[in-house]
Amino acid sequence: MKKNIKFVISLIFFGLLFMFNSFAEERIGIDYKSQLLPSGVHFSIQQKIDPRGRYIASSGLSITNKGYGVLEVYADTLAYEAVKKIKMTIYLDQWNEDENDWVQIDSKSMTYEYDGGDEDLHEVSESFLVENLETEKYYRLRGLHAVWSFDGFMESHATMTDGVLLTSGPT
């Protein structure tokens, strides 16, 4: 009788373990691989919307080939409500054909904090150029978007673009 009870309890326990779905892979993009876009495609955008997020409503990242060794970068983060701090870190990767893999070549961090004034902090965006890059190479961006609430809670998103070929002439 005791063995039957232990067996039934074990079945219930293992049944509970497998009945809950995990969304971690979908939410952070573990299996998402950047692809190398055709040479005629001059930009890549990823906009991530999170209806289940506590604070982050969306985060975005885009890379654009401006030609002549120049890339344009755009990143944004939008919170559902006013927050204490927003930080975006953008990583620039170059495709290494010999290793058949991406290699990080640069990064930039931007931090925005609520200053106590009349303007609430709930969204930020930044656009900038990266110049003097090696041409006829593929580049992609990875982004880490994070917000800190006034009660100390922190939430983050990860974004990543596909690879865009940087040309030596006009686009």
Foldseek 3Di string as FASTA:
>chain_A
DVVVVVVVVVVVVVVVVPPDDDCVCVFAVPPDDFAADPQVDFKWKDKAADPPDPWWGIKMWMWGQQAQAKIKIKIKTFTPDFFFKKKKKKWKWWQDPVVRDTDTDDMDMDMDGDPPDPDGDGMDMDMDMDGDHDAQTWMKMKMKIWTAHPVGDIDIYIDITHIHGHHNGGD
